[in-house]
């Protein structure tokens, strides 16, 4: 399911226009992105939680040349699925 399809489903369930549903989805994504940028955790009950994880620096290998390279430490967004969603998908 892509964003347009999700907006169509949300619009039908909430009895709003598809454009308003799409705007709400965009605002949700923007809010999650903003919270993660600040380092906050976002918990959505029944869905899961978004958080920022720190990846350590490590040594990697260029697959094309086989040369060893240093990969810098960085922050990445991570998502943990809630137990409710895990049960629903089983």
PDB file of N, CA and C in Angstrom:
ATOM      1  N   UNK A   1       0.850  -1.171   0.000  1.00  0.00           N
ATOM      2  CA  UNK A   1       0.000   0.000   0.000  1.00  0.00           C
ATOM      3  C   UNK A   1       0.896   1.234   0.000  1.00  0.00           C
ATOM      4  N   UNK A   2       0.628   2.153  -0.907  1.00  0.00           N
ATOM      5  CA  UNK A   2       1.392   3.391  -0.939  1.00  0.00           C
ATOM      6  C   UNK A   2       0.601   4.512  -0.246  1.00  0.00           C
ATOM      7  N   UNK A   3       1.183   5.715  -0.217  1.00  0.00           N
ATOM      8  CA  UNK A   3       0.562   6.820   0.523  1.00  0.00           C
ATOM      9  C   UNK A   3      -0.805   7.203  -0.052  1.00  0.00           C
ATOM     10  N   UNK A   4      -0.946   7.204  -1.364  1.00  0.00           N
ATOM     11  CA  UNK A   4      -2.218   7.553  -1.994  1.00  0.00           C
ATOM     12  C   UNK A   4      -3.299   6.527  -1.634  1.00  0.00           C
ATOM     13  N   UNK A   5      -2.940   5.257  -1.639  1.00  0.00           N
ATOM     14  CA  UNK A   5      -3.896   4.217  -1.277  1.00  0.00           C
ATOM     15  C   UNK A   5      -4.276   4.322   0.196  1.00  0.00           C
ATOM     16  N   UNK A   6      -3.298   4.618   1.051  1.00  0.00           N
ATOM     17  CA  UNK A   6      -3.572   4.806   2.469  1.00  0.00           C
ATOM     18  C   UNK A   6      -4.505   5.996   2.674  1.00  0.00           C
ATOM     19  N   UNK A   7      -4.277   7.077   1.964  1.00  0.00           N
ATOM     20  CA  UNK A   7      -5.137   8.260   2.069  1.00  0.00           C
ATOM     21  C   UNK A   7      -6.563   7.933   1.659  1.00  0.00           C
ATOM     22  N   UNK A   8      -6.725   7.103   0.649  1.00  0.00           N
ATOM     23  CA  UNK A   8      -8.062   6.711   0.192  1.00  0.00           C
ATOM     24  C   UNK A   8      -8.783   5.921   1.282  1.00  0.00           C
ATOM     25  N   UNK A   9      -8.076   4.998   1.929  1.00  0.00           N
ATOM     26  CA  UNK A   9      -8.666   4.205   3.012  1.00  0.00           C
ATOM     27  C   UNK A   9      -9.033   5.101   4.196  1.00  0.00           C
ATOM     28  N   UNK A  10      -8.111   5.974   4.581  1.00  0.00           N
ATOM     29  CA  UNK A  10      -8.356   6.878   5.712  1.00  0.00           C
ATOM     30  C   UNK A  10      -9.528   7.800   5.400  1.00  0.00           C
ATOM     31  N   UNK A  11      -9.578   8.310   4.197  1.00  0.00           N
ATOM     32  CA  UNK A  11     -10.676   9.194   3.804  1.00  0.00           C
ATOM     33  C   UNK A  11     -12.022   8.480   3.918  1.00  0.00           C
ATOM     34  N   UNK A  12     -12.072   7.244   3.489  1.00  0.00           N
ATOM     35  CA  UNK A  12     -13.312   6.473   3.577  1.00  0.00           C
ATOM     36  C   UNK A  12     -13.722   6.191   5.010  1.00  0.00           C
ATOM     37  N   UNK A  13     -12.762   5.809   5.853  1.00  0.00           N
ATOM     38  CA  UNK A  13     -13.060   5.486   7.257  1.00  0.00           C
ATOM     39  C   UNK A  13     -13.446   6.733   8.049  1.00  0.00           C
ATOM     40  N   UNK A  14     -12.754   7.850   7.802  1.00  0.00           N
ATOM     41  CA  UNK A  14     -12.983   9.071   8.573  1.00  0.00           C
ATOM     42  C   UNK A  14     -14.063   9.963   7.938  1.00  0.00           C
ATOM     43  N   UNK A  15     -14.543   9.557   6.764  1.00  0.00           N
ATOM     44  CA  UNK A  15     -15.551  10.326   6.031  1.00  0.00           C
ATOM     45  C   UNK A  15     -15.083  11.757   5.775  1.00  0.00           C
ATOM     46  N   UNK A  16     -13.856  11.860   5.246  1.00  0.00           N
ATOM     47  CA  UNK A  16     -13.286  13.138   4.840  1.00  0.00           C
ATOM     48  C   UNK A  16     -12.795  12.992   3.406  1.00  0.00           C
ATOM     49  N   UNK A  17     -12.409  14.105   2.801  1.00  0.00           N
ATOM     50  CA  UNK A  17     -11.929  14.033   1.425  1.00  0.00           C
ATOM     51  C   UNK A  17     -10.544  13.372   1.388  1.00  0.00           C
ATOM     52  N   UNK A  18     -10.221  12.839   0.232  1.00  0.00           N
ATOM     53  CA  UNK A  18      -8.917  12.201   0.052  1.00  0.00           C
ATOM     54  C   UNK A  18      -7.800  13.228   0.226  1.00  0.00           C
ATOM     55  N   UNK A  19      -8.046  14.463  -0.219  1.00  0.00           N
ATOM     56  CA  UNK A  19      -7.040  15.527  -0.087  1.00  0.00           C
ATOM     57  C   UNK A  19      -6.767  15.837   1.382  1.00  0.00           C
ATOM     58  N   UNK A  20      -7.811  15.882   2.197  1.00  0.00           N
ATOM     59  CA  UNK A  20      -7.632  16.150   3.633  1.00  0.00           C
ATOM     60  C   UNK A  20      -6.912  14.985   4.315  1.00  0.00           C
ATOM     61  N   UNK A  21      -7.244  13.771   3.904  1.00  0.00           N
ATOM     62  CA  UNK A  21      -6.574  12.597   4.468  1.00  0.00           C
ATOM     63  C   UNK A  21      -5.098  12.603   4.100  1.00  0.00           C
ATOM     64  N   UNK A  22      -4.787  12.948   2.869  1.00  0.00           N
ATOM     65  CA  UNK A  22      -3.404  13.023   2.411  1.00  0.00           C
ATOM     66  C   UNK A  22      -2.648  14.103   3.182  1.00  0.00           C
ATOM     67  N   UNK A  23      -3.291  15.237   3.418  1.00  0.00           N
ATOM     68  CA  UNK A  23      -2.682  16.327   4.195  1.00  0.00           C
ATOM     69  C   UNK A  23      -2.403  15.862   5.628  1.00  0.00           C
ATOM     70  N   UNK A  24      -3.342  15.123   6.227  1.00  0.00           N
ATOM     71  CA  UNK A  24      -3.161  14.615   7.589  1.00  0.00           C
ATOM     72  C   UNK A  24      -1.993  13.635   7.649  1.00  0.00           C
ATOM     73  N   UNK A  25      -1.884  12.762   6.661  1.00  0.00           N
ATOM     74  CA  UNK A  25      -0.783  11.801   6.610  1.00  0.00           C
ATOM     75  C   UNK A  25       0.544  12.533   6.465  1.00  0.00           C
ATOM     76  N   UNK A  26       0.585  13.542   5.595  1.00  0.00           N
ATOM     77  CA  UNK A  26       1.804  14.332   5.421  1.00  0.00           C
ATOM     78  C   UNK A  26       2.202  15.032   6.713  1.00  0.00           C
ATOM     79  N   UNK A  27       1.232  15.575   7.444  1.00  0.00           N
ATOM     80  CA  UNK A  27       1.512  16.253   8.711  1.00  0.00           C
ATOM     81  C   UNK A  27       2.006  15.261   9.763  1.00  0.00           C
ATOM     82  N   UNK A  28       1.459  14.056   9.761  1.00  0.00           N
ATOM     83  CA  UNK A  28       1.917  13.014  10.683  1.00  0.00           C
ATOM     84  C   UNK A  28       3.378  12.671  10.417  1.00  0.00           C
ATOM     85  N   UNK A  29       3.708  12.494   9.164  1.00  0.00           N
ATOM     86  CA  UNK A  29       5.086  12.183   8.782  1.00  0.00           C
ATOM     87  C   UNK A  29       6.021  13.322   9.170  1.00  0.00           C
ATOM     88  N   UNK A  30       5.591  14.555   8.939  1.00  0.00           N
ATOM     89  CA  UNK A  30       6.396  15.725   9.299  1.00  0.00           C
ATOM     90  C   UNK A  30       6.610  15.791  10.809  1.00  0.00           C
ATOM     91  N   UNK A  31       5.573  15.511  11.583  1.00  0.00           N
ATOM     92  CA  UNK A  31       5.684  15.543  13.043  1.00  0.00           C
ATOM     93  C   UNK A  31       6.639  14.454  13.546  1.00  0.00           C
ATOM     94  N   UNK A  32       6.547  13.265  12.983  1.00  0.00           N
ATOM     95  CA  UNK A  32       7.446  12.177  13.373  1.00  0.00           C
ATOM     96  C   UNK A  32       8.881  12.536  13.014  1.00  0.00           C
ATOM     97  N   UNK A  33       9.078  13.056  11.822  1.00  0.00           N
ATOM     98  CA  UNK A  33      10.421  13.455  11.380  1.00  0.00           C
ATOM     99  C   UNK A  33      11.002  14.529  12.307  1.00  0.00           C
ATOM    100  N   UNK A  34      10.178  15.511  12.672  1.00  0.00           N
ATOM    101  CA  UNK A  34      10.633  16.578  13.559  1.00  0.00           C
ATOM    102  C   UNK A  34      11.013  16.064  14.937  1.00  0.00           C
ATOM    103  N   UNK A  35      10.211  15.154  15.475  1.00  0.00           N
ATOM    104  CA  UNK A  35      10.504  14.584  16.793  1.00  0.00           C
ATOM    105  C   UNK A  35      11.802  13.785  16.761  1.00  0.00           C
ATOM    106  N   UNK A  36      12.005  12.996  15.727  1.00  0.00           N
ATOM    107  CA  UNK A  36      13.229  12.209  15.610  1.00  0.00           C
ATOM    108  C   UNK A  36      14.445  13.114  15.440  1.00  0.00           C
ATOM    109  N   UNK A  37      14.266  14.202  14.716  1.00  0.00           N
ATOM    110  CA  UNK A  37      15.363  15.142  14.516  1.00  0.00           C
ATOM    111  C   UNK A  37      15.818  15.739  15.845  1.00  0.00           C
ATOM    112  N   UNK A  38      14.864  15.947  16.765  1.00  0.00           N
ATOM    113  CA  UNK A  38      15.190  16.464  18.097  1.00  0.00           C
ATOM    114  C   UNK A  38      15.723  15.374  19.017  1.00  0.00           C
ATOM    115  N   UNK A  39      15.636  14.116  18.597  1.00  0.00           N
ATOM    116  CA  UNK A  39      16.115  13.005  19.418  1.00  0.00           C
ATOM    117  C   UNK A  39      15.034  12.382  20.271  1.00  0.00           C
ATOM    118  N   UNK A  40      13.783  12.810  20.083  1.00  0.00           N
ATOM    119  CA  UNK A  40      12.667  12.255  20.841  1.00  0.00           C
ATOM    120  C   UNK A  40      12.236  10.913  20.285  1.00  0.00           C
ATOM    121  N   UNK A  41      11.542  10.164  21.109  1.00  0.00           N
ATOM    122  CA  UNK A  41      10.967   8.878  20.712  1.00  0.00           C
ATOM    123  C   UNK A  41       9.486   9.106  20.421  1.00  0.00           C
ATOM    124  N   UNK A  42       8.950   8.443  19.402  1.00  0.00           N
ATOM    125  CA  UNK A  42       7.539   8.565  19.042  1.00  0.00           C
ATOM    126  C   UNK A  42       6.886   7.200  19.223  1.00  0.00           C
ATOM    127  N   UNK A  43       5.956   7.095  20.174  1.00  0.00           N
ATOM    128  CA  UNK A  43       5.246   5.844  20.448  1.00  0.00           C
ATOM    129  C   UNK A  43       3.830   5.934  19.898  1.00  0.00           C
ATOM    130  N   UNK A  44       3.466   5.012  19.046  1.00  0.00           N
ATOM    131  CA  UNK A  44       2.113   4.927  18.510  1.00  0.00           C
ATOM    132  C   UNK A  44       1.520   3.608  19.006  1.00  0.00           C
ATOM    133  N   UNK A  45       0.663   3.700  19.999  1.00  0.00           N
ATOM    134  CA  UNK A  45       0.091   2.506  20.624  1.00  0.00           C
ATOM    135  C   UNK A  45      -0.620   1.673  19.568  1.00  0.00           C
ATOM    136  N   UNK A  46      -0.330   0.390  19.565  1.00  0.00           N
ATOM    137  CA  UNK A  46      -0.936  -0.526  18.609  1.00  0.00           C
ATOM    138  C   UNK A  46      -0.152  -0.653  17.316  1.00  0.00           C
ATOM    139  N   UNK A  47       0.803   0.254  17.086  1.00  0.00           N
ATOM    140  CA  UNK A  47       1.603   0.213  15.866  1.00  0.00           C
ATOM    141  C   UNK A  47       3.072  -0.066  16.191  1.00  0.00           C
ATOM    142  N   UNK A  48       3.675   0.794  17.000  1.00  0.00           N
ATOM    143  CA  UNK A  48       5.073   0.623  17.361  1.00  0.00           C
ATOM    144  C   UNK A  48       5.686   1.940  17.767  1.00  0.00           C
ATOM    145  N   UNK A  49       7.013   1.982  17.788  1.00  0.00           N
ATOM    146  CA  UNK A  49       7.692   3.207  18.192  1.00  0.00           C
ATOM    147  C   UNK A  49       8.869   3.498  17.271  1.00  0.00           C
ATOM    148  N   UNK A  50       9.049   4.785  17.019  1.00  0.00           N
ATOM    149  CA  UNK A  50      10.166   5.283  16.236  1.00  0.00           C
ATOM    150  C   UNK A  50      11.174   5.867  17.210  1.00  0.00           C
ATOM    151  N   UNK A  51      12.464   5.659  16.931  1.00  0.00           N
ATOM    152  CA  UNK A  51      13.503   6.260  17.753  1.00  0.00           C
ATOM    153  C   UNK A  51      14.760   6.426  16.914  1.00  0.00           C
ATOM    154  N   UNK A  52      15.703   7.176  17.451  1.00  0.00           N
ATOM    155  CA  UNK A  52      16.977   7.380  16.777  1.00  0.00           C
ATOM    156  C   UNK A  52      18.008   6.475  17.441  1.00  0.00           C
ATOM    157  N   UNK A  53      18.718   5.708  16.634  1.00  0.00           N
ATOM    158  CA  UNK A  53      19.775   4.829  17.129  1.00  0.00           C
ATOM    159  C   UNK A  53      21.116   5.370  16.642  1.00  0.00           C
ATOM    160  N   UNK A  54      22.128   5.167  17.450  1.00  0.00           N
ATOM    161  CA  UNK A  54      23.488   5.559  17.078  1.00  0.00           C
ATOM    162  C   UNK A  54      24.219   4.327  16.563  1.00  0.00           C
ATOM    163  N   UNK A  55      24.710   4.393  15.347  1.00  0.00           N
ATOM    164  CA  UNK A  55      25.523   3.311  14.802  1.00  0.00           C
ATOM    165  C   UNK A  55      26.980   3.639  15.025  1.00  0.00           C
ATOM    166  N   UNK A  56      27.744   2.658  15.468  1.00  0.00           N
ATOM    167  CA  UNK A  56      29.169   2.852  15.715  1.00  0.00           C
ATOM    168  C   UNK A  56      29.931   2.897  14.398  1.00  0.00           C
ATOM    169  N   UNK A  57      31.083   3.536  14.447  1.00  0.00           N
ATOM    170  CA  UNK A  57      31.983   3.526  13.294  1.00  0.00           C
ATOM    171  C   UNK A  57      32.482   2.099  13.104  1.00  0.00           C
ATOM    172  N   UNK A  58      32.728   1.737  11.860  1.00  0.00           N
ATOM    173  CA  UNK A  58      33.182   0.376  11.599  1.00  0.00           C
ATOM    174  C   UNK A  58      34.006   0.336  10.316  1.00  0.00           C
ATOM    175  N   UNK A  59      34.640  -0.772  10.114  1.00  0.00           N
ATOM    176  CA  UNK A  59      35.425  -0.967   8.902  1.00  0.00           C
ATOM    177  C   UNK A  59      34.569  -1.760   7.919  1.00  0.00           C
ATOM    178  N   UNK A  60      34.519  -1.280   6.686  1.00  0.00           N
ATOM    179  CA  UNK A  60      33.754  -1.955   5.646  1.00  0.00           C
ATOM    180  C   UNK A  60      34.665  -2.277   4.473  1.00  0.00           C
ATOM    181  N   UNK A  61      34.051  -2.800   3.432  1.00  0.00           N
ATOM    182  CA  UNK A  61      34.827  -3.169   2.248  1.00  0.00           C
ATOM    183  C   UNK A  61      34.072  -2.699   1.010  1.00  0.00           C
ATOM    184  N   UNK A  62      34.805  -2.036   0.125  1.00  0.00           N
ATOM    185  CA  UNK A  62      34.237  -1.607  -1.149  1.00  0.00           C
ATOM    186  C   UNK A  62      34.044  -2.860  -2.000  1.00  0.00           C
ATOM    187  N   UNK A  63      32.793  -3.219  -2.336  1.00  0.00           N
ATOM    188  CA  UNK A  63      32.567  -4.466  -3.072  1.00  0.00           C
ATOM    189  C   UNK A  63      33.154  -4.460  -4.490  1.00  0.00           C
ATOM    190  N   UNK A  64      33.324  -3.276  -5.044  1.00  0.00           N
ATOM    191  CA  UNK A  64      33.847  -3.182  -6.406  1.00  0.00           C
ATOM    192  C   UNK A  64      35.351  -3.442  -6.456  1.00  0.00           C
ATOM    193  N   UNK A  65      36.074  -2.842  -5.494  1.00  0.00           N
ATOM    194  CA  UNK A  65      37.536  -2.936  -5.527  1.00  0.00           C
ATOM    195  C   UNK A  65      38.107  -3.867  -4.462  1.00  0.00           C
ATOM    196  N   UNK A  66      37.309  -4.195  -3.447  1.00  0.00           N
ATOM    197  CA  UNK A  66      37.793  -5.013  -2.350  1.00  0.00           C
ATOM    198  C   UNK A  66      38.593  -4.220  -1.330  1.00  0.00           C
ATOM    199  N   UNK A  67      38.716  -2.911  -1.562  1.00  0.00           N
ATOM    200  CA  UNK A  67      39.476  -2.034  -0.675  1.00  0.00           C
ATOM    201  C   UNK A  67      38.753  -1.865   0.665  1.00  0.00           C
ATOM    202  N   UNK A  68      39.517  -1.854   1.758  1.00  0.00           N
ATOM    203  CA  UNK A  68      38.961  -1.633   3.090  1.00  0.00           C
ATOM    204  C   UNK A  68      38.728  -0.134   3.272  1.00  0.00           C
ATOM    205  N   UNK A  69      37.552   0.205   3.794  1.00  0.00           N
ATOM    206  CA  UNK A  69      37.219   1.613   4.022  1.00  0.00           C
ATOM    207  C   UNK A  69      36.687   1.788   5.433  1.00  0.00           C
ATOM    208  N   UNK A  70      36.805   3.001   5.946  1.00  0.00           N
ATOM    209  CA  UNK A  70      36.284   3.341   7.274  1.00  0.00           C
ATOM    210  C   UNK A  70      34.889   3.929   7.098  1.00  0.00           C
ATOM    211  N   UNK A  71      33.904   3.349   7.761  1.00  0.00           N
ATOM    212  CA  UNK A  71      32.534   3.854   7.733  1.00  0.00           C
ATOM    213  C   UNK A  71      32.318   4.634   9.022  1.00  0.00           C
ATOM    214  N   UNK A  72      31.948   5.895   8.893  1.00  0.00           N
ATOM    215  CA  UNK A  72      31.801   6.785  10.044  1.00  0.00           C
ATOM    216  C   UNK A  72      30.584   6.420  10.891  1.00  0.00           C
ATOM    217  N   UNK A  73      30.632   6.803  12.170  1.00  0.00           N
ATOM    218  CA  UNK A  73      29.477   6.634  13.054  1.00  0.00           C
ATOM    219  C   UNK A  73      28.374   7.560  12.563  1.00  0.00           C
ATOM    220  N   UNK A  74      27.124   7.159  12.790  1.00  0.00           N
ATOM    221  CA  UNK A  74      26.007   8.004  12.360  1.00  0.00           C
ATOM    222  C   UNK A  74      24.748   7.646  13.111  1.00  0.00           C
ATOM    223  N   UNK A  75      23.779   8.512  13.008  1.00  0.00           N
ATOM    224  CA  UNK A  75      22.475   8.281  13.611  1.00  0.00           C
ATOM    225  C   UNK A  75      21.536   7.766  12.525  1.00  0.00           C
ATOM    226  N   UNK A  76      20.677   6.810  12.898  1.00  0.00           N
ATOM    227  CA  UNK A  76      19.694   6.264  11.955  1.00  0.00           C
ATOM    228  C   UNK A  76      18.336   6.171  12.642  1.00  0.00           C
ATOM    229  N   UNK A  77      17.285   6.290  11.874  1.00  0.00           N
ATOM    230  CA  UNK A  77      15.938   6.119  12.393  1.00  0.00           C
ATOM    231  C   UNK A  77      15.648   4.624  12.497  1.00  0.00           C
ATOM    232  N   UNK A  78      14.981   4.238  13.585  1.00  0.00           N
ATOM    233  CA  UNK A  78      14.644   2.830  13.785  1.00  0.00           C
ATOM    234  C   UNK A  78      13.181   2.724  14.182  1.00  0.00           C
ATOM    235  N   UNK A  79      12.558   1.621  13.815  1.00  0.00           N
ATOM    236  CA  UNK A  79      11.153   1.373  14.153  1.00  0.00           C
ATOM    237  C   UNK A  79      11.051   0.023  14.834  1.00  0.00           C
ATOM    238  N   UNK A  80      10.369  -0.009  15.971  1.00  0.00           N
ATOM    239  CA  UNK A  80      10.115  -1.257  16.688  1.00  0.00           C
ATOM    240  C   UNK A  80       8.622  -1.539  16.642  1.00  0.00           C
ATOM    241  N   UNK A  81       8.251  -2.701  16.202  1.00  0.00           N
ATOM    242  CA  UNK A  81       6.846  -3.084  16.063  1.00  0.00           C
ATOM    243  C   UNK A  81       6.268  -3.410  17.439  1.00  0.00           C
ATOM    244  N   UNK A  82       5.018  -2.963  17.678  1.00  0.00           N
ATOM    245  CA  UNK A  82       4.357  -3.263  18.955  1.00  0.00           C
ATOM    246  C   UNK A  82       3.944  -4.724  18.995  1.00  0.00           C
ATOM    247  N   UNK A  83       3.763  -5.244  20.204  1.00  0.00           N
ATOM    248  CA  UNK A  83       3.351  -6.646  20.352  1.00  0.00           C
ATOM    249  C   UNK A  83       1.947  -6.850  19.781  1.00  0.00           C
ATOM    250  N   UNK A  84       1.092  -5.832  19.858  1.00  0.00           N
ATOM    251  CA  UNK A  84      -0.259  -5.937  19.294  1.00  0.00           C
ATOM    252  C   UNK A  84      -0.201  -6.145  17.781  1.00  0.00           C
ATOM    253  N   UNK A  85       0.657  -5.406  17.115  1.00  0.00           N
ATOM    254  CA  UNK A  85       0.790  -5.534  15.662  1.00  0.00           C
ATOM    255  C   UNK A  85       1.407  -6.874  15.296  1.00  0.00           C
ATOM    256  N   UNK A  86       2.372  -7.322  16.076  1.00  0.00           N
ATOM    257  CA  UNK A  86       2.969  -8.634  15.830  1.00  0.00           C
ATOM    258  C   UNK A  86       1.923  -9.731  15.882  1.00  0.00           C
ATOM    259  N   UNK A  87       1.039  -9.662  16.893  1.00  0.00           N
ATOM    260  CA  UNK A  87      -0.021 -10.661  17.039  1.00  0.00           C
ATOM    261  C   UNK A  87      -1.012 -10.585  15.884  1.00  0.00           C
ATOM    262  N   UNK A  88      -1.317  -9.359  15.442  1.00  0.00           N
ATOM    263  CA  UNK A  88      -2.284  -9.177  14.361  1.00  0.00           C
ATOM    264  C   UNK A  88      -1.784  -9.724  13.035  1.00  0.00           C
ATOM    265  N   UNK A  89      -0.487  -9.703  12.825  1.00  0.00           N
ATOM    266  CA  UNK A  89       0.088 -10.141  11.560  1.00  0.00           C
ATOM    267  C   UNK A  89       0.287 -11.638  11.502  1.00  0.00           C
ATOM    268  N   UNK A  90       0.397 -12.301  12.641  1.00  0.00           N
ATOM    269  CA  UNK A  90       0.623 -13.744  12.690  1.00  0.00           C
ATOM    270  C   UNK A  90      -0.327 -14.518  11.848  1.00  0.00           C
TER     271      UNK A  90
END
